């Protein structure tokens, strides 16, 4: 998954496989949200984005962080996502943290 935004590259400290997994978790979470109109409508309302905005944001690491933050903010949503996608609920926060670290300015 190499479609990451160029502005978020801090590869010297980030394991590529772990980063790819984190991105995969975020994209799976977005797909999970988008496949249910109620979930998707709530996500749109909370983010202030339109449905048309999503296609261009899927591979944006900052948006991926926001998706995982949304999942982490609703435990029941997180548990259903984890169950349906074979992801341990405890893996979502580290995935978010890894995406954040990847976008952090070097030297932080």
N, C-alpha and C. Protein backbone atom coordinates (compact mmCIF):
# COMPACT_ATOMS: atom_id res chain seq x y z
N UNK A 1 0.85 -1.17 0.00
CA UNK A 1 0.00 0.00 0.00
C UNK A 1 0.89 1.23 0.00
N UNK A 2 1.29 1.64 -1.12
CA UNK A 2 2.25 2.73 -1.24
C UNK A 2 1.62 4.04 -1.69
N UNK A 3 0.32 4.21 -1.51
CA UNK A 3 -0.36 5.43 -1.95
C UNK A 3 -0.42 6.48 -0.86
N UNK A 4 0.50 6.42 0.07
CA UNK A 4 0.49 7.35 1.19
C UNK A 4 0.89 8.74 0.73
N UNK A 5 0.35 9.73 1.38
CA UNK A 5 0.68 11.12 1.03
C UNK A 5 2.16 11.37 1.28
N UNK A 6 2.81 12.07 0.35
CA UNK A 6 4.23 12.34 0.47
C UNK A 6 4.57 13.16 1.72
N UNK A 7 3.62 13.92 2.23
CA UNK A 7 3.90 14.76 3.39
C UNK A 7 4.05 13.95 4.67
N UNK A 8 3.72 12.69 4.63
CA UNK A 8 3.79 11.86 5.83
C UNK A 8 4.76 10.72 5.62
N UNK A 9 6.02 11.03 5.64
CA UNK A 9 7.05 10.00 5.49
C UNK A 9 8.11 10.20 6.55
N UNK A 10 8.11 9.33 7.51
CA UNK A 10 9.10 9.35 8.57
C UNK A 10 9.62 7.92 8.71
N UNK A 11 10.08 7.37 7.60
CA UNK A 11 10.41 5.96 7.51
C UNK A 11 11.60 5.52 8.36
N UNK A 12 12.44 6.43 8.80
CA UNK A 12 13.62 6.01 9.53
C UNK A 12 13.26 5.29 10.83
N UNK A 13 12.10 5.59 11.40
CA UNK A 13 11.72 4.99 12.68
C UNK A 13 10.49 4.09 12.58
N UNK A 14 9.97 3.88 11.41
CA UNK A 14 8.72 3.16 11.25
C UNK A 14 8.96 1.86 10.48
N UNK A 15 8.51 0.77 11.01
CA UNK A 15 8.60 -0.52 10.34
C UNK A 15 7.59 -0.56 9.19
N UNK A 16 8.05 -0.80 7.98
CA UNK A 16 7.19 -0.78 6.79
C UNK A 16 6.02 -1.77 6.88
N UNK A 17 6.27 -2.99 7.35
CA UNK A 17 5.18 -3.97 7.43
C UNK A 17 4.14 -3.55 8.46
N UNK A 18 4.60 -3.03 9.57
CA UNK A 18 3.65 -2.57 10.59
C UNK A 18 2.85 -1.38 10.08
N UNK A 19 3.50 -0.50 9.33
CA UNK A 19 2.81 0.65 8.77
C UNK A 19 1.77 0.21 7.74
N UNK A 20 2.13 -0.74 6.90
CA UNK A 20 1.17 -1.26 5.93
C UNK A 20 -0.02 -1.90 6.64
N UNK A 21 0.24 -2.61 7.73
CA UNK A 21 -0.85 -3.22 8.50
C UNK A 21 -1.75 -2.13 9.10
N UNK A 22 -1.14 -1.09 9.64
CA UNK A 22 -1.92 0.01 10.23
C UNK A 22 -2.81 0.66 9.17
N UNK A 23 -2.24 0.87 7.99
CA UNK A 23 -3.03 1.46 6.90
C UNK A 23 -4.16 0.52 6.50
N UNK A 24 -3.89 -0.75 6.46
CA UNK A 24 -4.92 -1.75 6.11
C UNK A 24 -6.06 -1.75 7.14
N UNK A 25 -5.71 -1.64 8.41
CA UNK A 25 -6.74 -1.58 9.47
C UNK A 25 -7.61 -0.35 9.26
N UNK A 26 -6.99 0.78 8.96
CA UNK A 26 -7.75 2.02 8.77
C UNK A 26 -8.68 1.93 7.56
N UNK A 27 -8.19 1.38 6.46
CA UNK A 27 -9.01 1.26 5.26
C UNK A 27 -10.14 0.27 5.49
N UNK A 28 -9.85 -0.82 6.21
CA UNK A 28 -10.91 -1.78 6.55
C UNK A 28 -11.96 -1.14 7.44
N UNK A 29 -11.52 -0.29 8.37
CA UNK A 29 -12.47 0.41 9.25
C UNK A 29 -13.35 1.35 8.45
N UNK A 30 -12.77 2.05 7.49
CA UNK A 30 -13.57 2.94 6.65
C UNK A 30 -14.57 2.16 5.82
N UNK A 31 -14.15 1.04 5.26
CA UNK A 31 -15.06 0.20 4.48
C UNK A 31 -16.20 -0.32 5.36
N UNK A 32 -15.87 -0.70 6.58
CA UNK A 32 -16.87 -1.17 7.54
C UNK A 32 -17.89 -0.07 7.83
N UNK A 33 -17.42 1.14 8.03
CA UNK A 33 -18.32 2.27 8.29
C UNK A 33 -19.19 2.55 7.07
N UNK A 34 -18.56 2.56 5.90
CA UNK A 34 -19.26 2.96 4.66
C UNK A 34 -20.31 1.95 4.21
N UNK A 35 -20.17 0.70 4.59
CA UNK A 35 -21.12 -0.30 4.10
C UNK A 35 -22.46 -0.27 4.82
N UNK A 36 -22.56 0.48 5.90
CA UNK A 36 -23.82 0.62 6.64
C UNK A 36 -24.25 2.08 6.59
N UNK A 37 -25.42 2.34 6.02
CA UNK A 37 -25.87 3.72 5.84
C UNK A 37 -25.99 4.50 7.15
N UNK A 38 -26.42 3.84 8.21
CA UNK A 38 -26.55 4.53 9.49
C UNK A 38 -25.18 4.91 10.03
N UNK A 39 -24.23 3.95 10.01
CA UNK A 39 -22.86 4.25 10.46
C UNK A 39 -22.23 5.35 9.61
N UNK A 40 -22.40 5.22 8.30
CA UNK A 40 -21.79 6.16 7.37
C UNK A 40 -22.38 7.56 7.55
N UNK A 41 -23.69 7.63 7.71
CA UNK A 41 -24.35 8.91 7.92
C UNK A 41 -23.86 9.59 9.19
N UNK A 42 -23.70 8.81 10.25
CA UNK A 42 -23.19 9.37 11.51
C UNK A 42 -21.76 9.86 11.33
N UNK A 43 -20.94 9.08 10.64
CA UNK A 43 -19.54 9.46 10.41
C UNK A 43 -19.48 10.76 9.60
N UNK A 44 -20.29 10.85 8.56
CA UNK A 44 -20.33 12.06 7.74
C UNK A 44 -20.75 13.26 8.59
N UNK A 45 -21.77 13.07 9.41
CA UNK A 45 -22.26 14.16 10.25
C UNK A 45 -21.18 14.63 11.24
N UNK A 46 -20.46 13.69 11.81
CA UNK A 46 -19.42 14.04 12.79
C UNK A 46 -18.19 14.68 12.16
N UNK A 47 -17.86 14.28 10.95
CA UNK A 47 -16.66 14.82 10.30
C UNK A 47 -16.93 16.13 9.56
N UNK A 48 -18.18 16.33 9.16
CA UNK A 48 -18.50 17.52 8.39
C UNK A 48 -18.15 17.38 6.91
N UNK A 49 -17.73 16.19 6.50
CA UNK A 49 -17.39 15.95 5.11
C UNK A 49 -18.64 15.56 4.32
N UNK A 50 -18.54 15.64 3.02
CA UNK A 50 -19.63 15.14 2.18
C UNK A 50 -19.25 13.75 1.67
N UNK A 51 -20.21 13.05 1.15
CA UNK A 51 -19.94 11.72 0.59
C UNK A 51 -18.90 11.79 -0.52
N UNK A 52 -18.91 12.86 -1.27
CA UNK A 52 -17.98 13.02 -2.39
C UNK A 52 -16.53 13.20 -1.93
N UNK A 53 -16.33 13.61 -0.70
CA UNK A 53 -14.98 13.85 -0.19
C UNK A 53 -14.20 12.55 0.07
N UNK A 54 -14.89 11.47 0.28
CA UNK A 54 -14.24 10.26 0.77
C UNK A 54 -13.29 9.59 -0.22
N UNK A 55 -13.63 9.56 -1.48
CA UNK A 55 -12.78 8.88 -2.46
C UNK A 55 -11.37 9.43 -2.46
N UNK A 56 -11.22 10.73 -2.35
CA UNK A 56 -9.90 11.33 -2.37
C UNK A 56 -9.15 11.25 -1.05
N UNK A 57 -9.82 10.82 0.00
CA UNK A 57 -9.20 10.80 1.32
C UNK A 57 -8.79 9.42 1.80
N UNK A 58 -9.22 8.39 1.13
CA UNK A 58 -9.00 7.02 1.60
C UNK A 58 -7.55 6.76 1.95
N UNK A 59 -6.62 7.21 1.14
CA UNK A 59 -5.20 6.94 1.38
C UNK A 59 -4.48 8.06 2.11
N UNK A 60 -5.22 9.05 2.58
CA UNK A 60 -4.63 10.16 3.32
C UNK A 60 -4.41 9.70 4.76
N UNK A 61 -3.15 9.69 5.22
CA UNK A 61 -2.87 9.18 6.57
C UNK A 61 -3.58 9.95 7.69
N UNK A 62 -3.74 11.24 7.53
CA UNK A 62 -4.44 12.00 8.56
C UNK A 62 -5.92 11.62 8.62
N UNK A 63 -6.51 11.35 7.46
CA UNK A 63 -7.89 10.89 7.44
C UNK A 63 -8.00 9.49 8.04
N UNK A 64 -7.01 8.64 7.76
CA UNK A 64 -7.00 7.30 8.33
C UNK A 64 -6.94 7.36 9.86
N UNK A 65 -6.16 8.30 10.38
CA UNK A 65 -6.10 8.50 11.83
C UNK A 65 -7.48 8.89 12.35
N UNK A 66 -8.16 9.79 11.64
CA UNK A 66 -9.50 10.23 12.05
C UNK A 66 -10.49 9.06 12.05
N UNK A 67 -10.38 8.19 11.06
CA UNK A 67 -11.26 7.00 11.00
C UNK A 67 -11.03 6.12 12.22
N UNK A 68 -9.77 5.87 12.54
CA UNK A 68 -9.47 5.02 13.70
C UNK A 68 -9.85 5.71 15.00
N UNK A 69 -9.70 7.02 15.08
CA UNK A 69 -10.18 7.76 16.26
C UNK A 69 -11.68 7.58 16.44
N UNK A 70 -12.39 7.64 15.32
CA UNK A 70 -13.85 7.44 15.36
C UNK A 70 -14.18 6.06 15.91
N UNK A 71 -13.47 5.05 15.43
CA UNK A 71 -13.70 3.68 15.90
C UNK A 71 -13.42 3.57 17.40
N UNK A 72 -12.33 4.18 17.82
CA UNK A 72 -11.92 4.09 19.22
C UNK A 72 -12.86 4.87 20.15
N UNK A 73 -13.60 5.81 19.59
CA UNK A 73 -14.53 6.60 20.39
C UNK A 73 -15.86 5.93 20.64
N UNK A 74 -16.08 4.77 20.05
CA UNK A 74 -17.35 4.06 20.20
C UNK A 74 -17.03 2.58 20.39
N UNK A 75 -17.00 2.14 21.64
CA UNK A 75 -16.57 0.77 21.94
C UNK A 75 -17.43 -0.29 21.24
N UNK A 76 -18.73 -0.09 21.19
CA UNK A 76 -19.58 -1.10 20.54
C UNK A 76 -19.27 -1.17 19.05
N UNK A 77 -19.04 -0.03 18.41
CA UNK A 77 -18.67 0.00 17.00
C UNK A 77 -17.32 -0.70 16.80
N UNK A 78 -16.38 -0.41 17.67
CA UNK A 78 -15.06 -1.04 17.61
C UNK A 78 -15.15 -2.55 17.73
N UNK A 79 -15.95 -3.03 18.65
CA UNK A 79 -16.06 -4.47 18.87
C UNK A 79 -16.72 -5.19 17.68
N UNK A 80 -17.73 -4.57 17.09
CA UNK A 80 -18.37 -5.16 15.92
C UNK A 80 -17.39 -5.16 14.75
N UNK A 81 -16.70 -4.06 14.53
CA UNK A 81 -15.69 -3.99 13.47
C UNK A 81 -14.64 -5.07 13.66
N UNK A 82 -14.11 -5.16 14.86
CA UNK A 82 -13.06 -6.14 15.13
C UNK A 82 -13.54 -7.56 14.88
N UNK A 83 -14.73 -7.86 15.33
CA UNK A 83 -15.29 -9.20 15.15
C UNK A 83 -15.50 -9.53 13.68
N UNK A 84 -16.06 -8.60 12.93
CA UNK A 84 -16.36 -8.85 11.52
C UNK A 84 -15.12 -8.86 10.63
N UNK A 85 -14.03 -8.25 11.10
CA UNK A 85 -12.84 -8.12 10.26
C UNK A 85 -11.63 -8.89 10.76
N UNK A 86 -11.81 -9.68 11.80
CA UNK A 86 -10.70 -10.48 12.31
C UNK A 86 -9.55 -9.66 12.85
N UNK A 87 -9.90 -8.52 13.43
CA UNK A 87 -8.89 -7.62 13.99
C UNK A 87 -9.09 -7.61 15.51
N UNK A 88 -8.02 -7.71 16.24
CA UNK A 88 -8.13 -7.60 17.69
C UNK A 88 -8.46 -6.15 18.04
N UNK A 89 -9.47 -5.91 18.87
CA UNK A 89 -9.79 -4.53 19.25
C UNK A 89 -8.57 -3.79 19.80
N UNK A 90 -7.71 -4.51 20.46
CA UNK A 90 -6.52 -3.88 21.06
C UNK A 90 -5.47 -3.49 20.02
N UNK A 91 -5.66 -3.88 18.76
CA UNK A 91 -4.72 -3.51 17.69
C UNK A 91 -5.05 -2.17 17.04
N UNK A 92 -6.24 -1.65 17.29
CA UNK A 92 -6.67 -0.43 16.60
C UNK A 92 -5.93 0.80 17.11
N UNK A 93 -5.79 0.95 18.41
CA UNK A 93 -5.08 2.12 18.95
C UNK A 93 -3.61 2.13 18.52
N UNK A 94 -2.89 1.00 18.59
CA UNK A 94 -1.52 1.02 18.09
C UNK A 94 -1.42 1.33 16.59
N UNK A 95 -2.40 0.88 15.82
CA UNK A 95 -2.41 1.21 14.38
C UNK A 95 -2.55 2.72 14.20
N UNK A 96 -3.46 3.31 14.95
CA UNK A 96 -3.63 4.77 14.90
C UNK A 96 -2.34 5.47 15.31
N UNK A 97 -1.74 5.01 16.38
CA UNK A 97 -0.51 5.64 16.87
C UNK A 97 0.63 5.53 15.86
N UNK A 98 0.69 4.42 15.16
CA UNK A 98 1.73 4.24 14.14
C UNK A 98 1.51 5.20 12.98
N UNK A 99 0.26 5.39 12.57
CA UNK A 99 -0.03 6.35 11.50
C UNK A 99 0.30 7.77 11.94
N UNK A 100 0.03 8.08 13.20
CA UNK A 100 0.38 9.40 13.73
C UNK A 100 1.89 9.58 13.72
N UNK A 101 2.61 8.58 14.17
CA UNK A 101 4.08 8.66 14.22
C UNK A 101 4.67 8.82 12.83
N UNK A 102 4.05 8.19 11.85
CA UNK A 102 4.54 8.27 10.48
C UNK A 102 4.39 9.68 9.92
N UNK A 103 3.42 10.42 10.42
CA UNK A 103 3.17 11.77 9.93
C UNK A 103 3.85 12.85 10.78
N UNK A 104 4.41 12.44 11.90
CA UNK A 104 5.04 13.42 12.77
C UNK A 104 6.30 13.99 12.11
N UNK A 105 6.55 15.27 12.31
CA UNK A 105 7.78 15.84 11.77
C UNK A 105 9.00 15.14 12.35
N UNK A 106 10.01 14.96 11.57
CA UNK A 106 11.23 14.32 12.05
C UNK A 106 11.81 15.13 13.20
N UNK A 107 12.41 14.41 14.12
CA UNK A 107 13.02 15.06 15.27
C UNK A 107 12.09 15.13 16.47
N UNK A 108 10.87 14.64 16.32
CA UNK A 108 9.92 14.63 17.44
C UNK A 108 9.98 13.33 18.15
